[in-house]
Amino acid sequence: MAISTKRKKYKAAEITELSRYFKEVTEAFEEDPKQILAHYQALYIAEKQKQMFDEMIVEKRKKLIERQKRTQENSNSGSELAQ
């Protein structure tokens, strides 16, 4: 179950403009642009790791449910044979 996030696709000119504006804003607030980018990169990585973990949990649950169904079916057919 993939979690889909709708993100805008930026054109090359838009990316260039955003980068320029980002640099201006960080300079105006006397902030280190590398620190800001690193912060958001860390958030992005954490978000993707959580997404992968959530997907892994969903798959594990599906397998557990299938295993429980097979066990129950085997139990039911075993009791039918005993009768």
C-alpha atoms as a PDB file:
ATOM      1  CA  MET A   1       0.000   0.000   0.000  1.00  0.00           C
ATOM      2  CA  ALA A   2       1.958   2.960  -1.259  1.00  0.00           C
ATOM      3  CA  ILE A   3       1.240   6.276   0.318  1.00  0.00           C
ATOM      4  CA  SER A   4       0.946   8.829  -2.437  1.00  0.00           C
ATOM      5  CA  THR A   5       1.736  12.459  -1.790  1.00  0.00           C
ATOM      6  CA  LYS A   6       0.769  14.955  -4.443  1.00  0.00           C
ATOM      7  CA  ARG A   7       3.739  17.234  -4.916  1.00  0.00           C
ATOM      8  CA  LYS A   8       4.068  19.962  -7.445  1.00  0.00           C
ATOM      9  CA  LYS A   9       6.457  19.257 -10.294  1.00  0.00           C
ATOM     10  CA  TYR A  10       8.686  22.295 -10.652  1.00  0.00           C
ATOM     11  CA  LYS A  11      10.094  23.472 -13.951  1.00  0.00           C
ATOM     12  CA  ALA A  12      13.810  24.192 -14.179  1.00  0.00           C
ATOM     13  CA  ALA A  13      13.187  27.975 -14.245  1.00  0.00           C
ATOM     14  CA  GLU A  14      11.026  27.715 -11.107  1.00  0.00           C
ATOM     15  CA  ILE A  15      13.720  25.764  -9.285  1.00  0.00           C
ATOM     16  CA  THR A  16      16.316  28.364 -10.236  1.00  0.00           C
ATOM     17  CA  GLU A  17      14.046  31.163  -9.034  1.00  0.00           C
ATOM     18  CA  LEU A  18      13.281  29.371  -5.758  1.00  0.00           C
ATOM     19  CA  SER A  19      16.974  28.777  -5.161  1.00  0.00           C
ATOM     20  CA  ARG A  20      17.761  32.437  -5.753  1.00  0.00           C
ATOM     21  CA  TYR A  21      14.955  33.587  -3.488  1.00  0.00           C
ATOM     22  CA  PHE A  22      15.948  31.051  -0.811  1.00  0.00           C
ATOM     23  CA  LYS A  23      19.476  32.446  -0.829  1.00  0.00           C
ATOM     24  CA  GLU A  24      18.159  36.015  -0.487  1.00  0.00           C
ATOM     25  CA  VAL A  25      15.890  35.101   2.420  1.00  0.00           C
ATOM     26  CA  THR A  26      18.563  33.180   4.309  1.00  0.00           C
ATOM     27  CA  GLU A  27      20.991  36.075   3.879  1.00  0.00           C
ATOM     28  CA  ALA A  28      18.352  38.566   5.096  1.00  0.00           C
ATOM     29  CA  PHE A  29      17.828  36.501   8.259  1.00  0.00           C
ATOM     30  CA  GLU A  30      21.556  35.768   8.601  1.00  0.00           C
ATOM     31  CA  GLU A  31      20.957  32.037   8.527  1.00  0.00           C
ATOM     32  CA  ASP A  32      23.121  29.299   7.082  1.00  0.00           C
ATOM     33  CA  PRO A  33      21.368  27.891   3.998  1.00  0.00           C
ATOM     34  CA  LYS A  34      23.291  24.621   4.320  1.00  0.00           C
ATOM     35  CA  GLN A  35      21.870  24.093   7.828  1.00  0.00           C
ATOM     36  CA  ILE A  36      18.337  24.763   6.607  1.00  0.00           C
ATOM     37  CA  LEU A  37      18.725  22.384   3.675  1.00  0.00           C
ATOM     38  CA  ALA A  38      20.225  19.725   5.949  1.00  0.00           C
ATOM     39  CA  HIS A  39      17.245  20.072   8.308  1.00  0.00           C
ATOM     40  CA  TYR A  40      14.737  19.515   5.514  1.00  0.00           C
ATOM     41  CA  GLN A  41      16.774  16.685   4.030  1.00  0.00           C
ATOM     42  CA  ALA A  42      16.709  14.957   7.425  1.00  0.00           C
ATOM     43  CA  LEU A  43      12.927  15.446   7.597  1.00  0.00           C
ATOM     44  CA  TYR A  44      12.517  14.021   4.092  1.00  0.00           C
ATOM     45  CA  ILE A  45      14.611  10.969   4.961  1.00  0.00           C
ATOM     46  CA  ALA A  46      12.640  10.392   8.173  1.00  0.00           C
ATOM     47  CA  GLU A  47       9.353  10.699   6.271  1.00  0.00           C
ATOM     48  CA  LYS A  48      10.446   8.127   3.682  1.00  0.00           C
ATOM     49  CA  GLN A  49      11.745   5.759   6.362  1.00  0.00           C
ATOM     50  CA  LYS A  50       8.402   5.974   8.175  1.00  0.00           C
ATOM     51  CA  GLN A  51       6.572   5.359   4.898  1.00  0.00           C
ATOM     52  CA  MET A  52       8.686   2.273   4.214  1.00  0.00           C
ATOM     53  CA  PHE A  53       8.177   1.048   7.787  1.00  0.00           C
ATOM     54  CA  ASP A  54       4.417   1.547   7.550  1.00  0.00           C
ATOM     55  CA  GLU A  55       4.320  -0.378   4.270  1.00  0.00           C
ATOM     56  CA  MET A  56       6.389  -3.167   5.817  1.00  0.00           C
ATOM     57  CA  ILE A  57       3.963  -3.391   8.771  1.00  0.00           C
ATOM     58  CA  VAL A  58       1.000  -3.644   6.375  1.00  0.00           C
ATOM     59  CA  GLU A  59       2.707  -6.509   4.519  1.00  0.00           C
ATOM     60  CA  LYS A  60       3.545  -8.293   7.784  1.00  0.00           C
ATOM     61  CA  ARG A  61      -0.090  -7.994   8.904  1.00  0.00           C
ATOM     62  CA  LYS A  62      -1.298  -9.447   5.590  1.00  0.00           C
ATOM     63  CA  LYS A  63       1.063 -12.412   5.958  1.00  0.00           C
ATOM     64  CA  LEU A  64      -0.024 -12.963   9.571  1.00  0.00           C
ATOM     65  CA  ILE A  65      -3.702 -12.944   8.583  1.00  0.00           C
ATOM     66  CA  GLU A  66      -3.013 -15.402   5.741  1.00  0.00           C
ATOM     67  CA  ARG A  67      -1.092 -17.678   8.109  1.00  0.00           C
ATOM     68  CA  GLN A  68      -3.922 -17.546  10.662  1.00  0.00           C
ATOM     69  CA  LYS A  69      -6.474 -18.411   7.956  1.00  0.00           C
ATOM     70  CA  ARG A  70      -4.390 -21.377   6.795  1.00  0.00           C
ATOM     71  CA  THR A  71      -3.985 -22.582  10.389  1.00  0.00           C
ATOM     72  CA  GLN A  72      -7.717 -22.248  10.988  1.00  0.00           C
ATOM     73  CA  GLU A  73      -8.520 -24.067   7.731  1.00  0.00           C
ATOM     74  CA  ASN A  74      -6.127 -26.862   8.683  1.00  0.00           C
ATOM     75  CA  SER A  75      -7.754 -27.102  12.117  1.00  0.00           C
ATOM     76  CA  ASN A  76     -11.213 -27.245  10.565  1.00  0.00           C
ATOM     77  CA  SER A  77     -10.253 -29.987   8.118  1.00  0.00           C
ATOM     78  CA  GLY A  78      -8.585 -31.945  10.906  1.00  0.00           C
ATOM     79  CA  SER A  79     -11.749 -31.883  13.021  1.00  0.00           C
ATOM     80  CA  GLU A  80     -13.843 -32.966  10.016  1.00  0.00           C
ATOM     81  CA  LEU A  81     -11.577 -35.986   9.499  1.00  0.00           C
ATOM     82  CA  ALA A  82     -11.873 -36.966  13.150  1.00  0.00           C
ATOM     83  CA  GLN A  83     -15.663 -37.181  12.901  1.00  0.00           C
END
